[in-house]
């Protein structure tokens, strides 16, 4: 068979393939048809064995025709399979898609309730002139305890209370007070900051979580006294819980403040009459506070004879449970159940 006859036969085989391809109804039939032409024992494979007998002058032209025919068949197979898959998909959609049905409304995300409460609290303090300060959650014992006047044998340093990363040196901060220390060490006075963030303790019950959120505040300047502290906290509590809420300050003890106090508000549900939430006392504890201990100022390089200050701290989770009545467990805030979180959209 001469070169011209081989080329003519190749073109004839390409036309035959196209005709057979239209009659193939499945992908397997298409693959089998392709093999019957392009495999070693197929029509083109057998014909290609004659290429060795073609003269060198004609071999290039005949070889190019072989390549062109194989490429045409391969591309036709690819297009046929794509058309087949598209028709199968359309048939599936036609069977199960009802265009008369109403569309599905996608769930709309919203801010987490703890984030909303935290931002609301921070907004109150920033409106009073406080700046926001942040610090690391993995902290050194030196900043978390020592600089804050905690003695070496204080119970908070025990392994059953604090989550240590390595024994006695690195830990997950138990409060955001180290942010206050780091701010004081910068030496820029006066200081007026709030420090929001996550803190970690070995707690796990319906009213406590191993991780929760705190906001602490610090003000250091000349002539700061306890009356300033009461004024700031009363303004904050009236803003958050209502202008008519009653407050009281009770003596307490914290290693880093002296004098120290715990602040209660009159129960916002029973209005002081006594209920299950307030333990029949009519009052609910909301935060701790006090004047910065002189030793803390000295540790930070601040002269306590010239400067004084106050500090306070409150749990965001605690305020959220008071704001949203009926929440039985703090863990609900951390389980990320969309049914629960959807109740707090703004």
Protein backbone atom coordinates (compact mmCIF):
# COMPACT_ATOMS: atom_id res chain seq x y z
CA UNK A 1 0.00 0.00 0.00
CA UNK A 2 1.50 3.28 -1.13
CA UNK A 3 1.76 6.50 0.84
CA UNK A 4 -1.29 8.02 -0.84
CA UNK A 5 -3.40 4.96 -0.11
CA UNK A 6 -2.36 4.97 3.57
CA UNK A 7 -3.30 8.65 3.92
CA UNK A 8 -6.65 8.06 2.18
CA UNK A 9 -7.33 5.07 4.46
CA UNK A 10 -6.54 7.13 7.56
CA UNK A 11 -9.03 9.80 6.54
CA UNK A 12 -11.62 7.13 5.83
CA UNK A 13 -11.05 5.60 9.27
CA UNK A 14 -11.48 9.03 10.92
CA UNK A 15 -14.88 9.43 9.25
CA UNK A 16 -15.92 5.90 10.23
CA UNK A 17 -14.93 6.62 13.84
CA UNK A 18 -17.06 9.77 13.98
CA UNK A 19 -20.07 7.84 12.69
CA UNK A 20 -19.60 5.04 15.22
CA UNK A 21 -19.01 7.54 18.03
CA UNK A 22 -22.50 9.05 17.65
CA UNK A 23 -24.00 5.61 18.18
CA UNK A 24 -22.15 5.02 21.47
CA UNK A 25 -24.45 5.57 24.45
CA UNK A 26 -22.16 4.99 27.45
CA UNK A 27 -18.67 6.02 28.47
CA UNK A 28 -17.56 2.39 28.37
CA UNK A 29 -18.76 2.04 24.76
CA UNK A 30 -16.85 5.21 23.85
CA UNK A 31 -13.67 3.88 25.48
CA UNK A 32 -14.05 0.52 23.74
CA UNK A 33 -14.51 2.24 20.37
CA UNK A 34 -11.40 4.34 20.97
CA UNK A 35 -9.39 1.20 21.76
CA UNK A 36 -10.64 -0.52 18.59
CA UNK A 37 -8.98 2.21 16.54
CA UNK A 38 -5.93 3.30 18.54
CA UNK A 39 -4.71 0.15 20.30
CA UNK A 40 -1.89 -1.91 18.77
CA UNK A 41 -4.43 -4.36 17.36
CA UNK A 42 -6.87 -1.63 16.33
CA UNK A 43 -7.52 -0.31 12.83
CA UNK A 44 -4.96 2.47 13.00
CA UNK A 45 -2.51 0.42 15.03
CA UNK A 46 -2.40 -2.27 12.38
CA UNK A 47 -2.14 0.28 9.58
CA UNK A 48 0.78 1.98 11.36
CA UNK A 49 2.82 -1.19 10.97
CA UNK A 50 3.06 -0.36 7.22
CA UNK A 51 4.87 2.89 8.02
CA UNK A 52 8.23 1.09 8.02
CA UNK A 53 7.80 0.17 4.36
CA UNK A 54 7.21 3.75 3.27
CA UNK A 55 10.15 5.48 1.63
CA UNK A 56 12.03 8.04 3.75
CA UNK A 57 10.91 10.82 1.41
CA UNK A 58 7.21 10.11 2.09
CA UNK A 59 7.48 8.91 5.68
CA UNK A 60 7.25 12.38 7.21
CA UNK A 61 3.98 13.24 5.46
CA UNK A 62 2.43 9.86 6.28
CA UNK A 63 3.60 10.12 9.91
CA UNK A 64 2.02 13.55 10.28
CA UNK A 65 -1.28 12.14 8.98
CA UNK A 66 -1.13 9.35 11.57
CA UNK A 67 -0.59 11.90 14.35
CA UNK A 68 -3.39 14.14 13.07
CA UNK A 69 -5.85 11.24 12.90
CA UNK A 70 -4.98 10.04 16.42
CA UNK A 71 -5.37 13.57 17.79
CA UNK A 72 -8.77 13.97 16.10
CA UNK A 73 -9.98 10.70 17.60
CA UNK A 74 -8.67 11.57 21.09
CA UNK A 75 -10.29 15.02 21.05
CA UNK A 76 -13.57 13.59 19.76
CA UNK A 77 -13.59 11.04 22.60
CA UNK A 78 -13.00 13.78 25.20
CA UNK A 79 -15.84 15.93 23.83
CA UNK A 80 -18.20 12.97 23.65
CA UNK A 81 -17.55 12.01 27.28
CA UNK A 82 -18.08 15.64 28.41
CA UNK A 83 -21.40 15.79 26.52
CA UNK A 84 -22.46 12.47 28.02
CA UNK A 85 -21.68 13.56 31.59
CA UNK A 86 -23.48 16.86 31.06
CA UNK A 87 -26.59 15.08 29.79
CA UNK A 88 -26.53 12.69 32.77
CA UNK A 89 -26.25 15.62 35.20
CA UNK A 90 -29.08 17.49 33.49
CA UNK A 91 -31.28 14.40 33.60
CA UNK A 92 -30.61 14.14 37.35
CA UNK A 93 -31.51 17.80 37.87
CA UNK A 94 -34.66 17.47 35.77
CA UNK A 95 -35.73 14.54 37.96
CA UNK A 96 -35.08 16.15 41.37
CA UNK A 97 -35.10 19.93 40.86
CA UNK A 98 -38.46 21.63 41.26
CA UNK A 99 -38.10 25.24 40.16
CA UNK A 100 -41.49 26.07 41.65
CA UNK A 101 -40.23 25.52 45.20
CA UNK A 102 -39.18 28.61 47.22
CA UNK A 103 -35.45 29.18 47.57
CA UNK A 104 -33.58 28.26 50.73
CA UNK A 105 -32.63 31.16 52.98
CA UNK A 106 -29.01 30.91 54.04
CA UNK A 107 -28.34 31.28 57.74
CA UNK A 108 -26.98 34.72 58.58
CA UNK A 109 -24.01 34.91 60.88
CA UNK A 110 -23.84 37.33 63.79
CA UNK A 111 -21.48 38.48 66.50
CA UNK A 112 -21.02 36.11 69.44
CA UNK A 113 -22.95 37.25 72.56
CA UNK A 114 -19.74 37.41 74.63
CA UNK A 115 -18.16 39.62 71.98
CA UNK A 116 -21.20 41.89 72.02
CA UNK A 117 -21.06 42.26 75.80
CA UNK A 118 -17.29 42.81 75.76
CA UNK A 119 -17.52 45.54 73.13
CA UNK A 120 -20.36 47.20 75.02
CA UNK A 121 -18.31 47.25 78.23
CA UNK A 122 -15.21 48.55 76.48
CA UNK A 123 -17.29 51.26 74.79
CA UNK A 124 -18.43 52.53 78.19
CA UNK A 125 -14.88 52.87 79.47
CA UNK A 126 -13.46 54.35 76.27
CA UNK A 127 -16.19 56.99 76.45
CA UNK A 128 -14.65 57.93 79.84
CA UNK A 129 -11.21 58.35 78.27
CA UNK A 130 -9.73 54.89 78.87
CA UNK A 131 -7.46 53.38 76.22
CA UNK A 132 -7.55 49.68 75.27
CA UNK A 133 -4.39 47.67 76.01
CA UNK A 134 -3.67 44.07 75.02
CA UNK A 135 -1.06 41.52 76.04
CA UNK A 136 0.02 37.89 75.53
CA UNK A 137 -2.16 35.03 76.75
CA UNK A 138 0.94 32.86 77.38
CA UNK A 139 2.56 34.75 80.23
CA UNK A 140 5.50 34.55 82.60
CA UNK A 141 4.98 33.85 86.30
CA UNK A 142 6.96 37.04 86.95
CA UNK A 143 4.30 39.26 85.33
CA UNK A 144 1.28 37.17 86.30
CA UNK A 145 2.12 36.84 90.01
CA UNK A 146 5.42 38.27 91.30
CA UNK A 147 5.04 41.81 89.96
CA UNK A 148 1.48 41.87 91.31
CA UNK A 149 2.56 41.27 94.92
CA UNK A 150 1.54 37.58 95.08
CA UNK A 151 3.66 35.83 97.74
CA UNK A 152 5.51 32.66 96.74
CA UNK A 153 3.15 30.48 98.79
CA UNK A 154 -0.07 32.05 97.47
CA UNK A 155 -2.70 29.36 96.58
CA UNK A 156 -3.16 30.82 93.08
CA UNK A 157 0.36 29.60 92.23
CA UNK A 158 -0.62 25.98 92.91
CA UNK A 159 -0.89 23.55 90.02
CA UNK A 160 -4.53 22.81 90.89
CA UNK A 161 -5.45 26.47 90.25
CA UNK A 162 -3.14 27.63 87.43
CA UNK A 163 -2.46 26.08 84.03
CA UNK A 164 1.35 25.97 83.88
CA UNK A 165 3.12 25.29 80.59
CA UNK A 166 6.43 24.61 82.28
CA UNK A 167 6.73 24.28 86.02
CA UNK A 168 6.98 27.56 87.87
CA UNK A 169 7.85 29.86 84.93
CA UNK A 170 5.45 29.96 81.96
CA UNK A 171 1.68 29.71 82.24
CA UNK A 172 -1.62 30.63 80.66
CA UNK A 173 -2.49 33.94 82.26
CA UNK A 174 -5.05 33.71 85.07
CA UNK A 175 -6.16 37.34 84.67
CA UNK A 176 -5.42 40.29 82.39
CA UNK A 177 -3.54 42.08 85.18
CA UNK A 178 -0.15 41.34 83.51
CA UNK A 179 -1.26 43.79 80.80
CA UNK A 180 -1.44 46.45 83.52
CA UNK A 181 2.06 45.55 84.69
CA UNK A 182 3.51 45.71 81.18
CA UNK A 183 1.83 49.08 80.65
CA UNK A 184 3.24 50.51 83.89
CA UNK A 185 6.73 49.25 83.02
CA UNK A 186 6.68 51.42 79.89
CA UNK A 187 6.94 54.40 82.26
CA UNK A 188 4.50 56.65 80.42
CA UNK A 189 2.33 58.42 82.99
CA UNK A 190 -0.51 59.04 83.55
CA UNK A 191 -2.06 55.65 82.71
CA UNK A 192 -5.74 55.07 81.98
CA UNK A 193 -6.40 51.71 80.32
CA UNK A 194 -8.78 48.78 80.13
CA UNK A 195 -7.43 45.33 79.24
CA UNK A 196 -9.96 42.89 77.75
CA UNK A 197 -9.11 39.30 76.84
CA UNK A 198 -9.26 35.59 77.50
CA UNK A 199 -7.94 34.14 80.77
CA UNK A 200 -7.46 30.57 81.92
CA UNK A 201 -7.96 28.74 85.21
CA UNK A 202 -8.56 25.19 86.39
CA UNK A 203 -12.33 25.61 86.76
CA UNK A 204 -15.04 23.43 85.26
CA UNK A 205 -18.61 23.66 86.53
CA UNK A 206 -21.91 25.26 85.39
CA UNK A 207 -20.81 28.74 86.55
CA UNK A 208 -17.10 28.48 85.65
CA UNK A 209 -15.12 27.56 82.56
CA UNK A 210 -11.40 26.73 82.06
CA UNK A 211 -11.32 29.68 79.64
CA UNK A 212 -13.35 32.83 80.09
CA UNK A 213 -13.10 36.55 79.38
CA UNK A 214 -12.17 39.41 81.66
CA UNK A 215 -11.90 43.15 81.42
CA UNK A 216 -9.58 44.87 83.87
CA UNK A 217 -8.94 48.55 84.28
CA UNK A 218 -6.10 50.65 85.64
CA UNK A 219 -5.74 54.36 86.31
CA UNK A 220 -2.49 55.81 87.71
CA UNK A 221 -1.92 59.52 88.17
CA UNK A 222 -1.19 62.11 90.82
CA UNK A 223 -3.84 62.49 93.52
CA UNK A 224 -6.01 59.47 92.59
CA UNK A 225 -8.17 58.29 95.50
CA UNK A 226 -10.92 55.81 96.28
CA UNK A 227 -13.62 58.35 95.49
CA UNK A 228 -12.43 58.42 91.88
CA UNK A 229 -12.70 54.63 91.75
CA UNK A 230 -16.26 54.68 93.10
CA UNK A 231 -17.27 57.38 90.65
CA UNK A 232 -15.94 55.50 87.61
CA UNK A 233 -17.45 52.15 88.61
CA UNK A 234 -20.82 53.60 89.58
CA UNK A 235 -21.01 55.38 86.22
CA UNK A 236 -20.13 52.13 84.46
CA UNK A 237 -22.66 50.01 86.37
CA UNK A 238 -25.45 52.54 85.82
CA UNK A 239 -24.66 52.55 82.10
CA UNK A 240 -24.74 48.75 81.83
CA UNK A 241 -27.51 47.78 84.27
CA UNK A 242 -29.65 50.90 84.35
CA UNK A 243 -29.53 54.33 85.92
CA UNK A 244 -31.65 53.20 88.88
CA UNK A 245 -29.51 50.22 89.90
CA UNK A 246 -28.17 50.42 93.45
CA UNK A 247 -24.54 49.55 94.20
CA UNK A 248 -22.51 48.78 97.28
CA UNK A 249 -18.79 48.34 97.99
CA UNK A 250 -17.75 45.64 100.47
CA UNK A 251 -14.24 45.35 101.99
CA UNK A 252 -12.25 42.49 100.51
CA UNK A 253 -8.64 41.45 99.85
CA UNK A 254 -6.57 41.14 96.69
CA UNK A 255 -2.74 40.91 96.73
CA UNK A 256 -2.34 43.76 94.25
CA UNK A 257 -4.73 46.34 95.77
CA UNK A 258 -4.97 47.95 99.19
CA UNK A 259 -7.60 48.75 100.27
CA UNK A 260 -9.64 46.27 98.23
CA UNK A 261 -13.36 45.95 97.69
CA UNK A 262 -15.94 43.80 95.97
CA UNK A 263 -18.80 45.59 94.25
CA UNK A 264 -22.39 44.35 94.32
CA UNK A 265 -25.46 45.55 92.49
CA UNK A 266 -28.99 45.19 93.72
CA UNK A 267 -30.50 42.11 92.08
CA UNK A 268 -31.83 43.29 88.73
CA UNK A 269 -34.54 40.62 88.73
CA UNK A 270 -36.07 40.79 92.22
CA UNK A 271 -35.00 44.40 92.95
CA UNK A 272 -33.60 43.46 96.36
CA UNK A 273 -36.51 41.30 97.54
CA UNK A 274 -34.53 38.06 97.31
CA UNK A 275 -34.69 35.34 94.66
CA UNK A 276 -32.92 32.21 93.50
CA UNK A 277 -30.46 34.16 91.36
CA UNK A 278 -29.20 36.35 94.19
CA UNK A 279 -29.40 33.59 96.82
CA UNK A 280 -32.21 35.44 98.60
CA UNK A 281 -29.77 38.22 99.57
CA UNK A 282 -31.05 40.85 97.16
CA UNK A 283 -27.49 41.58 95.94
CA UNK A 284 -25.27 40.19 93.16
CA UNK A 285 -21.47 40.49 93.11
CA UNK A 286 -20.21 41.84 89.77
CA UNK A 287 -16.57 42.90 90.12
CA UNK A 288 -13.53 43.41 92.34
CA UNK A 289 -11.50 46.58 92.72
CA UNK A 290 -9.17 48.59 94.93
CA UNK A 291 -6.37 51.09 95.15
CA UNK A 292 -3.14 49.84 93.56
CA UNK A 293 -0.86 48.46 96.28
CA UNK A 294 2.27 50.62 96.72
CA UNK A 295 4.42 47.50 96.29
CA UNK A 296 3.00 47.00 92.80
CA UNK A 297 3.84 50.59 91.90
CA UNK A 298 7.37 50.15 93.25
CA UNK A 299 7.82 46.91 91.27
CA UNK A 300 6.88 48.84 88.13
CA UNK A 301 9.32 51.67 88.91
CA UNK A 302 6.62 54.21 89.92
CA UNK A 303 7.06 56.31 93.06
CA UNK A 304 4.01 55.65 95.32
CA UNK A 305 4.70 58.89 97.20
CA UNK A 306 4.00 60.84 94.02
CA UNK A 307 1.55 58.65 92.14
CA UNK A 308 -1.44 56.57 93.17
CA UNK A 309 -3.97 54.57 91.23
CA UNK A 310 -6.91 52.23 91.23
CA UNK A 311 -7.63 48.94 89.46
CA UNK A 312 -10.71 46.85 88.85
CA UNK A 313 -11.67 43.64 87.10
CA UNK A 314 -14.87 41.93 86.01
CA UNK A 315 -15.87 38.79 84.16
CA UNK A 316 -17.50 39.35 80.77
CA UNK A 317 -19.24 35.98 81.05
CA UNK A 318 -20.72 37.00 84.38
CA UNK A 319 -22.14 40.23 82.96
CA UNK A 320 -23.52 38.33 79.95
CA UNK A 321 -25.35 35.85 82.21
CA UNK A 322 -26.88 38.78 84.10
CA UNK A 323 -27.84 40.61 80.91
CA UNK A 324 -29.44 37.55 79.29
CA UNK A 325 -31.73 36.09 81.95
CA UNK A 326 -32.34 32.35 81.91
CA UNK A 327 -28.88 31.09 80.92
CA UNK A 328 -28.30 28.15 83.23
CA UNK A 329 -24.67 27.35 82.38
CA UNK A 330 -21.72 29.43 81.26
CA UNK A 331 -20.74 26.54 78.97
CA UNK A 332 -23.59 27.41 76.63
CA UNK A 333 -21.50 30.36 75.44
CA UNK A 334 -18.71 28.03 74.32
CA UNK A 335 -20.60 25.10 72.77
CA UNK A 336 -21.31 27.13 69.59
CA UNK A 337 -24.81 25.73 69.16
CA UNK A 338 -26.30 27.87 66.36
CA UNK A 339 -29.77 27.58 67.93
CA UNK A 340 -28.47 29.22 71.10
CA UNK A 341 -26.28 31.84 69.41
CA UNK A 342 -29.07 32.89 67.03
CA UNK A 343 -31.01 34.22 70.04
CA UNK A 344 -28.58 37.13 70.42
CA UNK A 345 -28.58 38.70 66.97
CA UNK A 346 -28.75 42.47 66.76
